């Protein structure tokens, strides 16, 4: 069982007070050029009721104008997301192409993805959908679902500790908000069978892809493949066994070559890992659909699973 457990930091709440050429999604997706600047109005800092602190909810989220997209922005250890209150519909308020424009760090808000908090299905509290910064839609996101848990707690002005059942493309996920406001997520059992990850790399007799060879950019890398509800390729070394110095890697060049490699029919997230000790691993990540990010919750879980499978770390 892999557990993502780390601090969740929050940015200020922001909303579009005027976005004249940017309309919510209707029957078709049309993204128009914005001829006037975005007017972004900061609101009060986000608060959450804890045992010793009562603070305001996101009351401004209820003051919606038909032509404005209201959002807040959160990050989990630098993995940042735009959160949209989509509780009145199972259809996202904006389409993938619009989400890509919002995620642009020069001309938009800037984020690794856009997350929609939607009504629950099959008895769950909520559903989660996410568009990556390139417009693709992943099964789920570890840091993203932690951000969403805090987001809906703010919307509900909920007391903590509490947990939520959230339906995702990877199945049921249950984030838990602790009394101190930290959010932990039980990511469940890792998926190791090659066909289920999915990867076309040959597995061992039990179907597990551990220390397999993958040729990328003319060099052979030793990789282990894991799914935490989304696919991951984890590498600690080249075929010569020399450990990686992850800070020296050209991630912008290597990342896309791994992500779009023919051995990964659904593309893949890639973790480049340097072993500092059996209990200390340094990771750089290239996320499928988002590129280089500062953190990846499912990736952190996947690399620990891979490290154990390769005998580089203890459970």
C-alpha atoms as a PDB file:
ATOM      1  CA  UNK A   1       0.000   0.000   0.000  1.00  0.00           C
ATOM      2  CA  UNK A   2       1.431   3.365  -0.996  1.00  0.00           C
ATOM      3  CA  UNK A   3       0.598   6.504   0.938  1.00  0.00           C
ATOM      4  CA  UNK A   4       1.006  10.055  -0.271  1.00  0.00           C
ATOM      5  CA  UNK A   5       1.432  12.175   2.849  1.00  0.00           C
ATOM      6  CA  UNK A   6       2.874  15.660   2.733  1.00  0.00           C
ATOM      7  CA  UNK A   7       2.100  19.298   3.391  1.00  0.00           C
ATOM      8  CA  UNK A   8      -0.467  21.045   1.246  1.00  0.00           C
ATOM      9  CA  UNK A   9       0.155  24.728   0.735  1.00  0.00           C
ATOM     10  CA  UNK A  10      -2.518  27.112  -0.470  1.00  0.00           C
ATOM     11  CA  UNK A  11      -2.373  30.243  -2.547  1.00  0.00           C
ATOM     12  CA  UNK A  12      -4.858  33.068  -2.281  1.00  0.00           C
ATOM     13  CA  UNK A  13      -8.339  32.673  -3.682  1.00  0.00           C
ATOM     14  CA  UNK A  14      -8.825  34.458  -6.983  1.00  0.00           C
ATOM     15  CA  UNK A  15     -11.730  34.881  -9.345  1.00  0.00           C
ATOM     16  CA  UNK A  16     -12.236  36.319 -12.791  1.00  0.00           C
ATOM     17  CA  UNK A  17     -14.231  39.487 -12.195  1.00  0.00           C
ATOM     18  CA  UNK A  18     -14.201  40.314 -15.886  1.00  0.00           C
ATOM     19  CA  UNK A  19     -13.226  38.083 -18.761  1.00  0.00           C
ATOM     20  CA  UNK A  20     -15.147  39.582 -21.691  1.00  0.00           C
ATOM     21  CA  UNK A  21     -14.012  37.269 -24.479  1.00  0.00           C
ATOM     22  CA  UNK A  22     -13.765  34.084 -22.458  1.00  0.00           C
ATOM     23  CA  UNK A  23     -17.112  32.342 -22.158  1.00  0.00           C
ATOM     24  CA  UNK A  24     -17.988  29.166 -20.341  1.00  0.00           C
ATOM     25  CA  UNK A  25     -18.363  26.071 -22.460  1.00  0.00           C
ATOM     26  CA  UNK A  26     -21.648  25.714 -24.294  1.00  0.00           C
ATOM     27  CA  UNK A  27     -22.517  23.033 -26.828  1.00  0.00           C
ATOM     28  CA  UNK A  28     -19.277  23.566 -28.706  1.00  0.00           C
ATOM     29  CA  UNK A  29     -15.831  24.576 -27.595  1.00  0.00           C
ATOM     30  CA  UNK A  30     -14.661  27.911 -28.920  1.00  0.00           C
ATOM     31  CA  UNK A  31     -11.674  29.751 -27.551  1.00  0.00           C
ATOM     32  CA  UNK A  32     -11.506  33.372 -28.560  1.00  0.00           C
ATOM     33  CA  UNK A  33      -8.606  35.716 -28.254  1.00  0.00           C
ATOM     34  CA  UNK A  34      -8.912  37.991 -25.259  1.00  0.00           C
ATOM     35  CA  UNK A  35      -8.613  41.539 -26.539  1.00  0.00           C
ATOM     36  CA  UNK A  36      -8.555  43.167 -23.107  1.00  0.00           C
ATOM     37  CA  UNK A  37      -6.456  42.213 -20.083  1.00  0.00           C
ATOM     38  CA  UNK A  38      -7.705  39.702 -17.564  1.00  0.00           C
ATOM     39  CA  UNK A  39      -8.953  41.431 -14.456  1.00  0.00           C
ATOM     40  CA  UNK A  40      -8.109  39.151 -11.565  1.00  0.00           C
ATOM     41  CA  UNK A  41      -9.361  40.232  -8.167  1.00  0.00           C
ATOM     42  CA  UNK A  42      -7.714  38.689  -5.072  1.00  0.00           C
ATOM     43  CA  UNK A  43     -10.176  37.811  -2.345  1.00  0.00           C
ATOM     44  CA  UNK A  44      -9.562  36.825   1.254  1.00  0.00           C
ATOM     45  CA  UNK A  45      -6.901  34.238   1.985  1.00  0.00           C
ATOM     46  CA  UNK A  46      -8.219  30.711   2.198  1.00  0.00           C
ATOM     47  CA  UNK A  47      -9.044  29.404   5.633  1.00  0.00           C
ATOM     48  CA  UNK A  48     -10.244  26.105   6.992  1.00  0.00           C
ATOM     49  CA  UNK A  49     -11.957  25.354  10.274  1.00  0.00           C
ATOM     50  CA  UNK A  50      -9.642  23.385  12.498  1.00  0.00           C
ATOM     51  CA  UNK A  51      -9.927  22.517  16.154  1.00  0.00           C
ATOM     52  CA  UNK A  52      -8.444  25.845  17.172  1.00  0.00           C
ATOM     53  CA  UNK A  53      -9.345  28.086  14.264  1.00  0.00           C
ATOM     54  CA  UNK A  54     -12.567  29.254  12.654  1.00  0.00           C
ATOM     55  CA  UNK A  55     -12.168  31.139   9.406  1.00  0.00           C
ATOM     56  CA  UNK A  56     -14.228  32.275   6.478  1.00  0.00           C
ATOM     57  CA  UNK A  57     -15.414  29.961   3.747  1.00  0.00           C
ATOM     58  CA  UNK A  58     -15.212  30.677   0.047  1.00  0.00           C
ATOM     59  CA  UNK A  59     -18.401  32.699   0.115  1.00  0.00           C
ATOM     60  CA  UNK A  60     -17.299  34.623  -2.957  1.00  0.00           C
ATOM     61  CA  UNK A  61     -17.565  31.406  -4.978  1.00  0.00           C
ATOM     62  CA  UNK A  62     -21.338  31.706  -4.719  1.00  0.00           C
ATOM     63  CA  UNK A  63     -21.345  35.180  -6.256  1.00  0.00           C
ATOM     64  CA  UNK A  64     -21.091  33.938  -9.811  1.00  0.00           C
ATOM     65  CA  UNK A  65     -21.704  35.948 -12.920  1.00  0.00           C
ATOM     66  CA  UNK A  66     -22.871  34.097 -15.973  1.00  0.00           C
ATOM     67  CA  UNK A  67     -19.993  35.343 -18.109  1.00  0.00           C
ATOM     68  CA  UNK A  68     -17.223  34.791 -15.553  1.00  0.00           C
ATOM     69  CA  UNK A  69     -15.327  31.694 -14.558  1.00  0.00           C
ATOM     70  CA  UNK A  70     -14.696  31.704 -10.825  1.00  0.00           C
ATOM     71  CA  UNK A  71     -11.794  29.678  -9.533  1.00  0.00           C
ATOM     72  CA  UNK A  72      -9.256  29.297  -6.782  1.00  0.00           C
ATOM     73  CA  UNK A  73      -5.670  28.194  -7.175  1.00  0.00           C
ATOM     74  CA  UNK A  74      -3.998  25.682  -4.887  1.00  0.00           C
ATOM     75  CA  UNK A  75      -0.694  23.867  -4.907  1.00  0.00           C
ATOM     76  CA  UNK A  76       0.577  20.718  -3.242  1.00  0.00           C
ATOM     77  CA  UNK A  77       4.345  21.126  -2.709  1.00  0.00           C
ATOM     78  CA  UNK A  78       4.546  23.185  -5.892  1.00  0.00           C
ATOM     79  CA  UNK A  79       2.260  21.027  -8.053  1.00  0.00           C
ATOM     80  CA  UNK A  80      -0.295  23.753  -8.832  1.00  0.00           C
ATOM     81  CA  UNK A  81      -3.894  23.594 -10.006  1.00  0.00           C
ATOM     82  CA  UNK A  82      -6.838  25.790 -10.894  1.00  0.00           C
ATOM     83  CA  UNK A  83      -9.908  24.547  -8.975  1.00  0.00           C
ATOM     84  CA  UNK A  84     -13.418  25.115 -10.345  1.00  0.00           C
ATOM     85  CA  UNK A  85     -16.675  24.648  -8.430  1.00  0.00           C
ATOM     86  CA  UNK A  86     -18.536  22.350 -10.826  1.00  0.00           C
ATOM     87  CA  UNK A  87     -20.890  20.792  -8.280  1.00  0.00           C
ATOM     88  CA  UNK A  88     -24.005  21.528 -10.329  1.00  0.00           C
ATOM     89  CA  UNK A  89     -23.018  19.434 -13.355  1.00  0.00           C
ATOM     90  CA  UNK A  90     -21.054  16.391 -14.496  1.00  0.00           C
ATOM     91  CA  UNK A  91     -19.912  18.400 -17.534  1.00  0.00           C
ATOM     92  CA  UNK A  92     -16.886  20.687 -17.066  1.00  0.00           C
ATOM     93  CA  UNK A  93     -17.627  24.403 -17.236  1.00  0.00           C
ATOM     94  CA  UNK A  94     -14.848  24.841 -19.790  1.00  0.00           C
ATOM     95  CA  UNK A  95     -13.400  22.535 -22.423  1.00  0.00           C
ATOM     96  CA  UNK A  96      -9.897  21.107 -22.741  1.00  0.00           C
ATOM     97  CA  UNK A  97      -8.731  23.768 -25.184  1.00  0.00           C
ATOM     98  CA  UNK A  98      -9.844  26.535 -22.853  1.00  0.00           C
ATOM     99  CA  UNK A  99      -8.144  24.787 -19.929  1.00  0.00           C
ATOM    100  CA  UNK A 100      -4.887  24.767 -21.894  1.00  0.00           C
ATOM    101  CA  UNK A 101      -5.121  28.523 -22.336  1.00  0.00           C
ATOM    102  CA  UNK A 102      -5.820  29.040 -18.647  1.00  0.00           C
ATOM    103  CA  UNK A 103      -2.786  26.924 -17.715  1.00  0.00           C
ATOM    104  CA  UNK A 104      -0.434  28.967 -19.886  1.00  0.00           C
ATOM    105  CA  UNK A 105       2.056  30.596 -17.524  1.00  0.00           C
ATOM    106  CA  UNK A 106       2.619  33.641 -19.713  1.00  0.00           C
ATOM    107  CA  UNK A 107      -0.811  34.455 -21.131  1.00  0.00           C
ATOM    108  CA  UNK A 108      -3.144  32.649 -18.733  1.00  0.00           C
ATOM    109  CA  UNK A 109      -3.392  32.001 -15.017  1.00  0.00           C
ATOM    110  CA  UNK A 110      -0.610  29.415 -15.033  1.00  0.00           C
ATOM    111  CA  UNK A 111      -1.014  25.894 -13.636  1.00  0.00           C
ATOM    112  CA  UNK A 112      -0.203  22.227 -14.154  1.00  0.00           C
ATOM    113  CA  UNK A 113      -3.895  21.491 -14.657  1.00  0.00           C
ATOM    114  CA  UNK A 114      -7.532  22.477 -14.127  1.00  0.00           C
ATOM    115  CA  UNK A 115      -9.604  20.416 -11.669  1.00  0.00           C
ATOM    116  CA  UNK A 116     -13.395  20.302 -11.598  1.00  0.00           C
ATOM    117  CA  UNK A 117     -15.196  19.401  -8.357  1.00  0.00           C
ATOM    118  CA  UNK A 118     -18.316  17.607  -9.606  1.00  0.00           C
ATOM    119  CA  UNK A 119     -21.327  15.820  -8.110  1.00  0.00           C
ATOM    120  CA  UNK A 120     -20.670  12.358  -6.755  1.00  0.00           C
ATOM    121  CA  UNK A 121     -21.747   9.211  -8.571  1.00  0.00           C
ATOM    122  CA  UNK A 122     -22.549   5.738  -7.245  1.00  0.00           C
ATOM    123  CA  UNK A 123     -22.874   7.054  -3.709  1.00  0.00           C
ATOM    124  CA  UNK A 124     -19.622   9.035  -3.560  1.00  0.00           C
ATOM    125  CA  UNK A 125     -19.408  12.534  -2.110  1.00  0.00           C
ATOM    126  CA  UNK A 126     -17.877  14.077  -5.227  1.00  0.00           C
ATOM    127  CA  UNK A 127     -16.416  13.303  -8.628  1.00  0.00           C
ATOM    128  CA  UNK A 128     -13.154  14.708  -9.934  1.00  0.00           C
ATOM    129  CA  UNK A 129     -12.115  15.455 -13.484  1.00  0.00           C
ATOM    130  CA  UNK A 130      -8.903  17.138 -14.501  1.00  0.00           C
ATOM    131  CA  UNK A 131      -7.487  18.598 -17.691  1.00  0.00           C
ATOM    132  CA  UNK A 132      -3.697  18.694 -17.904  1.00  0.00           C
ATOM    133  CA  UNK A 133      -1.960  21.807 -19.155  1.00  0.00           C
ATOM    134  CA  UNK A 134      -1.803  20.255 -22.644  1.00  0.00           C
ATOM    135  CA  UNK A 135      -5.563  19.555 -22.626  1.00  0.00           C
ATOM    136  CA  UNK A 136      -5.302  15.794 -22.086  1.00  0.00           C
ATOM    137  CA  UNK A 137      -7.321  14.161 -19.313  1.00  0.00           C
ATOM    138  CA  UNK A 138      -5.538  11.839 -16.862  1.00  0.00           C
ATOM    139  CA  UNK A 139      -7.223   9.185 -14.760  1.00  0.00           C
ATOM    140  CA  UNK A 140      -6.459  11.047 -11.538  1.00  0.00           C
ATOM    141  CA  UNK A 141      -3.788  13.090  -9.798  1.00  0.00           C
ATOM    142  CA  UNK A 142      -2.430  12.523  -6.297  1.00  0.00           C
ATOM    143  CA  UNK A 143      -1.586  16.112  -5.377  1.00  0.00           C
ATOM    144  CA  UNK A 144      -4.616  17.284  -7.323  1.00  0.00           C
ATOM    145  CA  UNK A 145      -7.067  15.223  -5.300  1.00  0.00           C
ATOM    146  CA  UNK A 146      -5.518  16.526  -2.074  1.00  0.00           C
ATOM    147  CA  UNK A 147      -6.079  20.065  -3.330  1.00  0.00           C
ATOM    148  CA  UNK A 148      -9.642  19.179  -4.275  1.00  0.00           C
ATOM    149  CA  UNK A 149     -10.343  17.821  -0.788  1.00  0.00           C
ATOM    150  CA  UNK A 150      -9.299  21.135   0.762  1.00  0.00           C
ATOM    151  CA  UNK A 151     -11.253  23.010  -1.895  1.00  0.00           C
ATOM    152  CA  UNK A 152     -14.574  21.272  -1.229  1.00  0.00           C
ATOM    153  CA  UNK A 153     -14.015  21.571   2.520  1.00  0.00           C
ATOM    154  CA  UNK A 154     -13.679  25.321   1.989  1.00  0.00           C
ATOM    155  CA  UNK A 155     -16.804  25.407  -0.166  1.00  0.00           C
ATOM    156  CA  UNK A 156     -18.743  23.528   2.509  1.00  0.00           C
ATOM    157  CA  UNK A 157     -17.168  25.533   5.331  1.00  0.00           C
ATOM    158  CA  UNK A 158     -16.616  22.108   6.829  1.00  0.00           C
ATOM    159  CA  UNK A 159     -15.113  21.194  10.152  1.00  0.00           C
ATOM    160  CA  UNK A 160     -12.052  18.963  10.147  1.00  0.00           C
ATOM    161  CA  UNK A 161     -10.867  16.293  10.512  1.00  0.00           C
ATOM    162  CA  UNK A 162     -12.981  14.651   7.863  1.00  0.00           C
ATOM    163  CA  UNK A 163     -12.671  12.529   4.738  1.00  0.00           C
ATOM    164  CA  UNK A 164     -14.315  12.502   1.318  1.00  0.00           C
ATOM    165  CA  UNK A 165     -15.152   9.696  -1.075  1.00  0.00           C
ATOM    166  CA  UNK A 166     -14.244  10.897  -4.560  1.00  0.00           C
ATOM    167  CA  UNK A 167     -14.942   9.139  -7.844  1.00  0.00           C
ATOM    168  CA  UNK A 168     -12.053   9.409 -10.339  1.00  0.00           C
ATOM    169  CA  UNK A 169     -11.045   7.807 -13.608  1.00  0.00           C
ATOM    170  CA  UNK A 170      -8.835   5.504 -11.536  1.00  0.00           C
ATOM    171  CA  UNK A 171     -11.692   4.474  -9.242  1.00  0.00           C
ATOM    172  CA  UNK A 172     -12.614   5.461  -5.695  1.00  0.00           C
ATOM    173  CA  UNK A 173     -10.091   7.622  -3.820  1.00  0.00           C
ATOM    174  CA  UNK A 174     -10.550   8.736  -0.199  1.00  0.00           C
ATOM    175  CA  UNK A 175      -8.514  11.805   0.828  1.00  0.00           C
ATOM    176  CA  UNK A 176      -8.504  12.611   4.541  1.00  0.00           C
ATOM    177  CA  UNK A 177      -8.131  16.103   5.985  1.00  0.00           C
ATOM    178  CA  UNK A 178      -6.453  15.959   9.357  1.00  0.00           C
ATOM    179  CA  UNK A 179      -7.089  18.240  12.322  1.00  0.00           C
ATOM    180  CA  UNK A 180      -4.039  20.356  11.436  1.00  0.00           C
ATOM    181  CA  UNK A 181      -5.270  20.844   7.861  1.00  0.00           C
ATOM    182  CA  UNK A 182      -2.827  18.451   6.206  1.00  0.00           C
ATOM    183  CA  UNK A 183      -4.323  16.116   3.621  1.00  0.00           C
ATOM    184  CA  UNK A 184      -3.307  12.479   3.226  1.00  0.00           C
ATOM    185  CA  UNK A 185      -4.433  10.055   0.543  1.00  0.00           C
ATOM    186  CA  UNK A 186      -4.322   6.278   0.556  1.00  0.00           C
ATOM    187  CA  UNK A 187      -3.363   5.582  -3.053  1.00  0.00           C
ATOM    188  CA  UNK A 188      -4.272   1.899  -2.846  1.00  0.00           C
ATOM    189  CA  UNK A 189      -2.397  -1.069  -4.254  1.00  0.00           C
ATOM    190  CA  UNK A 190       0.048  -0.412  -7.116  1.00  0.00           C
ATOM    191  CA  UNK A 191      -0.691  -2.081 -10.449  1.00  0.00           C
ATOM    192  CA  UNK A 192       2.307  -4.043 -11.715  1.00  0.00           C
ATOM    193  CA  UNK A 193       1.011  -6.175 -14.581  1.00  0.00           C
ATOM    194  CA  UNK A 194       2.436  -4.825 -17.850  1.00  0.00           C
ATOM    195  CA  UNK A 195      -0.825  -4.961 -19.804  1.00  0.00           C
ATOM    196  CA  UNK A 196      -2.696  -3.088 -17.084  1.00  0.00           C
ATOM    197  CA  UNK A 197      -0.189  -0.246 -16.664  1.00  0.00           C
ATOM    198  CA  UNK A 198      -0.140  -0.224 -19.774  1.00  0.00           C
ATOM    199  CA  UNK A 199       3.262  -0.847 -21.332  1.00  0.00           C
ATOM    200  CA  UNK A 200       4.442  -2.936 -24.258  1.00  0.00           C
ATOM    201  CA  UNK A 201       7.695  -3.731 -22.478  1.00  0.00           C
ATOM    202  CA  UNK A 202       7.956  -7.473 -21.837  1.00  0.00           C
ATOM    203  CA  UNK A 203       7.232  -8.463 -18.263  1.00  0.00           C
ATOM    204  CA  UNK A 204       8.761 -11.270 -16.292  1.00  0.00           C
ATOM    205  CA  UNK A 205       6.906 -14.546 -15.749  1.00  0.00           C
ATOM    206  CA  UNK A 206       4.511 -12.808 -13.374  1.00  0.00           C
ATOM    207  CA  UNK A 207       3.956  -9.957 -15.845  1.00  0.00           C
ATOM    208  CA  UNK A 208       5.903  -7.414 -13.790  1.00  0.00           C
ATOM    209  CA  UNK A 209       8.235  -5.021 -15.629  1.00  0.00           C
ATOM    210  CA  UNK A 210      11.254  -4.638 -13.334  1.00  0.00           C
ATOM    211  CA  UNK A 211      14.742  -3.578 -14.454  1.00  0.00           C
ATOM    212  CA  UNK A 212      13.778  -3.798 -18.113  1.00  0.00           C
ATOM    213  CA  UNK A 213      15.794  -2.196 -20.880  1.00  0.00           C
ATOM    214  CA  UNK A 214      14.340   0.792 -22.725  1.00  0.00           C
ATOM    215  CA  UNK A 215      16.223   2.524 -25.524  1.00  0.00           C
ATOM    216  CA  UNK A 216      15.663   6.281 -25.518  1.00  0.00           C
ATOM    217  CA  UNK A 217      17.685   8.770 -27.518  1.00  0.00           C
ATOM    218  CA  UNK A 218      20.185   6.072 -28.494  1.00  0.00           C
ATOM    219  CA  UNK A 219      20.902   5.122 -24.881  1.00  0.00           C
ATOM    220  CA  UNK A 220      19.645   2.112 -22.924  1.00  0.00           C
ATOM    221  CA  UNK A 221      17.890   2.952 -19.664  1.00  0.00           C
ATOM    222  CA  UNK A 222      16.955   0.459 -16.948  1.00  0.00           C
ATOM    223  CA  UNK A 223      13.305   1.018 -16.045  1.00  0.00           C
ATOM    224  CA  UNK A 224      10.590  -0.338 -13.778  1.00  0.00           C
ATOM    225  CA  UNK A 225       6.958   0.302 -14.658  1.00  0.00           C
ATOM    226  CA  UNK A 226       4.154   0.900 -12.163  1.00  0.00           C
ATOM    227  CA  UNK A 227       0.608   2.228 -12.279  1.00  0.00           C
ATOM    228  CA  UNK A 228      -0.909   4.119  -9.372  1.00  0.00           C
ATOM    229  CA  UNK A 229      -4.108   4.497 -11.366  1.00  0.00           C
ATOM    230  CA  UNK A 230      -1.996   6.262 -14.010  1.00  0.00           C
ATOM    231  CA  UNK A 231       1.137   4.941 -15.771  1.00  0.00           C
ATOM    232  CA  UNK A 232       4.663   5.559 -14.509  1.00  0.00           C
ATOM    233  CA  UNK A 233       8.090   4.649 -15.830  1.00  0.00           C
ATOM    234  CA  UNK A 234      10.772   4.850 -13.131  1.00  0.00           C
ATOM    235  CA  UNK A 235      14.484   4.821 -13.890  1.00  0.00           C
ATOM    236  CA  UNK A 236      17.474   4.812 -11.552  1.00  0.00           C
ATOM    237  CA  UNK A 237      20.297   4.137 -14.017  1.00  0.00           C
ATOM    238  CA  UNK A 238      21.532   3.398 -17.515  1.00  0.00           C
ATOM    239  CA  UNK A 239      22.495  -0.119 -18.598  1.00  0.00           C
ATOM    240  CA  UNK A 240      26.051   0.405 -17.322  1.00  0.00           C
ATOM    241  CA  UNK A 241      24.621   0.572 -13.808  1.00  0.00           C
ATOM    242  CA  UNK A 242      25.939   4.062 -13.153  1.00  0.00           C
ATOM    243  CA  UNK A 243      23.575   5.936 -10.845  1.00  0.00           C
ATOM    244  CA  UNK A 244      21.809   8.988 -12.212  1.00  0.00           C
ATOM    245  CA  UNK A 245      22.727  12.516 -11.285  1.00  0.00           C
ATOM    246  CA  UNK A 246      19.202  13.824 -11.742  1.00  0.00           C
ATOM    247  CA  UNK A 247      20.138  17.494 -11.477  1.00  0.00           C
ATOM    248  CA  UNK A 248      22.326  17.195 -14.567  1.00  0.00           C
ATOM    249  CA  UNK A 249      19.605  15.706 -16.790  1.00  0.00           C
ATOM    250  CA  UNK A 250      18.099  17.737 -19.620  1.00  0.00           C
ATOM    251  CA  UNK A 251      14.517  17.016 -18.615  1.00  0.00           C
ATOM    252  CA  UNK A 252      12.958  19.190 -21.304  1.00  0.00           C
ATOM    253  CA  UNK A 253      14.670  17.030 -23.921  1.00  0.00           C
ATOM    254  CA  UNK A 254      14.388  13.592 -22.318  1.00  0.00           C
ATOM    255  CA  UNK A 255      10.892  13.892 -20.860  1.00  0.00           C
ATOM    256  CA  UNK A 256       8.916  13.985 -24.120  1.00  0.00           C
ATOM    257  CA  UNK A 257      10.962  11.084 -25.525  1.00  0.00           C
ATOM    258  CA  UNK A 258       9.901   8.883 -22.611  1.00  0.00           C
ATOM    259  CA  UNK A 259       6.325  10.178 -22.508  1.00  0.00           C
ATOM    260  CA  UNK A 260       5.641   9.443 -26.179  1.00  0.00           C
ATOM    261  CA  UNK A 261       7.743   6.276 -26.480  1.00  0.00           C
ATOM    262  CA  UNK A 262       6.099   3.489 -28.470  1.00  0.00           C
ATOM    263  CA  UNK A 263       6.383   1.188 -25.464  1.00  0.00           C
ATOM    264  CA  UNK A 264       3.730   3.266 -23.683  1.00  0.00           C
ATOM    265  CA  UNK A 265       0.460   3.176 -25.644  1.00  0.00           C
ATOM    266  CA  UNK A 266      -1.268   5.573 -23.212  1.00  0.00           C
ATOM    267  CA  UNK A 267       1.901   7.708 -22.844  1.00  0.00           C
ATOM    268  CA  UNK A 268       3.588   7.748 -19.454  1.00  0.00           C
ATOM    269  CA  UNK A 269       4.789   9.792 -16.522  1.00  0.00           C
ATOM    270  CA  UNK A 270       8.522   9.384 -15.965  1.00  0.00           C
ATOM    271  CA  UNK A 271      10.473   9.595 -12.725  1.00  0.00           C
ATOM    272  CA  UNK A 272      14.255  10.000 -12.876  1.00  0.00           C
ATOM    273  CA  UNK A 273      15.569   8.950  -9.476  1.00  0.00           C
ATOM    274  CA  UNK A 274      18.858   9.307  -7.629  1.00  0.00           C
ATOM    275  CA  UNK A 275      19.357   7.084  -4.579  1.00  0.00           C
ATOM    276  CA  UNK A 276      21.004   9.059  -1.789  1.00  0.00           C
ATOM    277  CA  UNK A 277      20.360   6.343   0.796  1.00  0.00           C
ATOM    278  CA  UNK A 278      17.912   3.488   1.347  1.00  0.00           C
ATOM    279  CA  UNK A 279      15.516   6.001   2.899  1.00  0.00           C
ATOM    280  CA  UNK A 280      16.328   9.099   0.845  1.00  0.00           C
ATOM    281  CA  UNK A 281      15.496   9.308  -2.864  1.00  0.00           C
ATOM    282  CA  UNK A 282      15.820  12.376  -5.072  1.00  0.00           C
ATOM    283  CA  UNK A 283      13.335  12.590  -7.949  1.00  0.00           C
ATOM    284  CA  UNK A 284      12.772  14.728 -10.975  1.00  0.00           C
ATOM    285  CA  UNK A 285       9.541  14.093 -12.804  1.00  0.00           C
ATOM    286  CA  UNK A 286       8.189  14.584 -16.287  1.00  0.00           C
ATOM    287  CA  UNK A 287       4.409  14.358 -16.080  1.00  0.00           C
ATOM    288  CA  UNK A 288       2.304  13.064 -18.916  1.00  0.00           C
ATOM    289  CA  UNK A 289       0.392  16.038 -20.263  1.00  0.00           C
ATOM    290  CA  UNK A 290       2.002  18.612 -17.972  1.00  0.00           C
ATOM    291  CA  UNK A 291       5.752  18.338 -18.556  1.00  0.00           C
ATOM    292  CA  UNK A 292       8.295  19.067 -15.838  1.00  0.00           C
ATOM    293  CA  UNK A 293       6.558  19.747 -12.529  1.00  0.00           C
ATOM    294  CA  UNK A 294       7.847  20.474  -9.046  1.00  0.00           C
ATOM    295  CA  UNK A 295       6.126  17.444  -7.522  1.00  0.00           C
ATOM    296  CA  UNK A 296       3.938  14.463  -8.394  1.00  0.00           C
ATOM    297  CA  UNK A 297       1.975  12.566  -5.753  1.00  0.00           C
ATOM    298  CA  UNK A 298       1.375   9.383  -7.725  1.00  0.00           C
ATOM    299  CA  UNK A 299       4.955   9.611  -8.996  1.00  0.00           C
ATOM    300  CA  UNK A 300       6.342   9.706  -5.459  1.00  0.00           C
ATOM    301  CA  UNK A 301       4.352   6.567  -4.650  1.00  0.00           C
ATOM    302  CA  UNK A 302       5.419   4.853  -7.883  1.00  0.00           C
ATOM    303  CA  UNK A 303       9.117   5.500  -7.320  1.00  0.00           C
ATOM    304  CA  UNK A 304       8.970   4.025  -3.801  1.00  0.00           C
ATOM    305  CA  UNK A 305       7.277   0.908  -5.192  1.00  0.00           C
ATOM    306  CA  UNK A 306       9.945   0.683  -7.908  1.00  0.00           C
ATOM    307  CA  UNK A 307      12.756   1.200  -5.397  1.00  0.00           C
ATOM    308  CA  UNK A 308      11.449  -1.672  -3.275  1.00  0.00           C
ATOM    309  CA  UNK A 309      11.023  -3.934  -6.313  1.00  0.00           C
ATOM    310  CA  UNK A 310      14.601  -3.216  -7.400  1.00  0.00           C
ATOM    311  CA  UNK A 311      15.986  -3.715  -3.892  1.00  0.00           C
ATOM    312  CA  UNK A 312      17.124  -0.112  -3.588  1.00  0.00           C
ATOM    313  CA  UNK A 313      14.932   0.729  -0.612  1.00  0.00           C
ATOM    314  CA  UNK A 314      13.144  -1.035   2.205  1.00  0.00           C
ATOM    315  CA  UNK A 315       9.385  -1.060   2.629  1.00  0.00           C
END
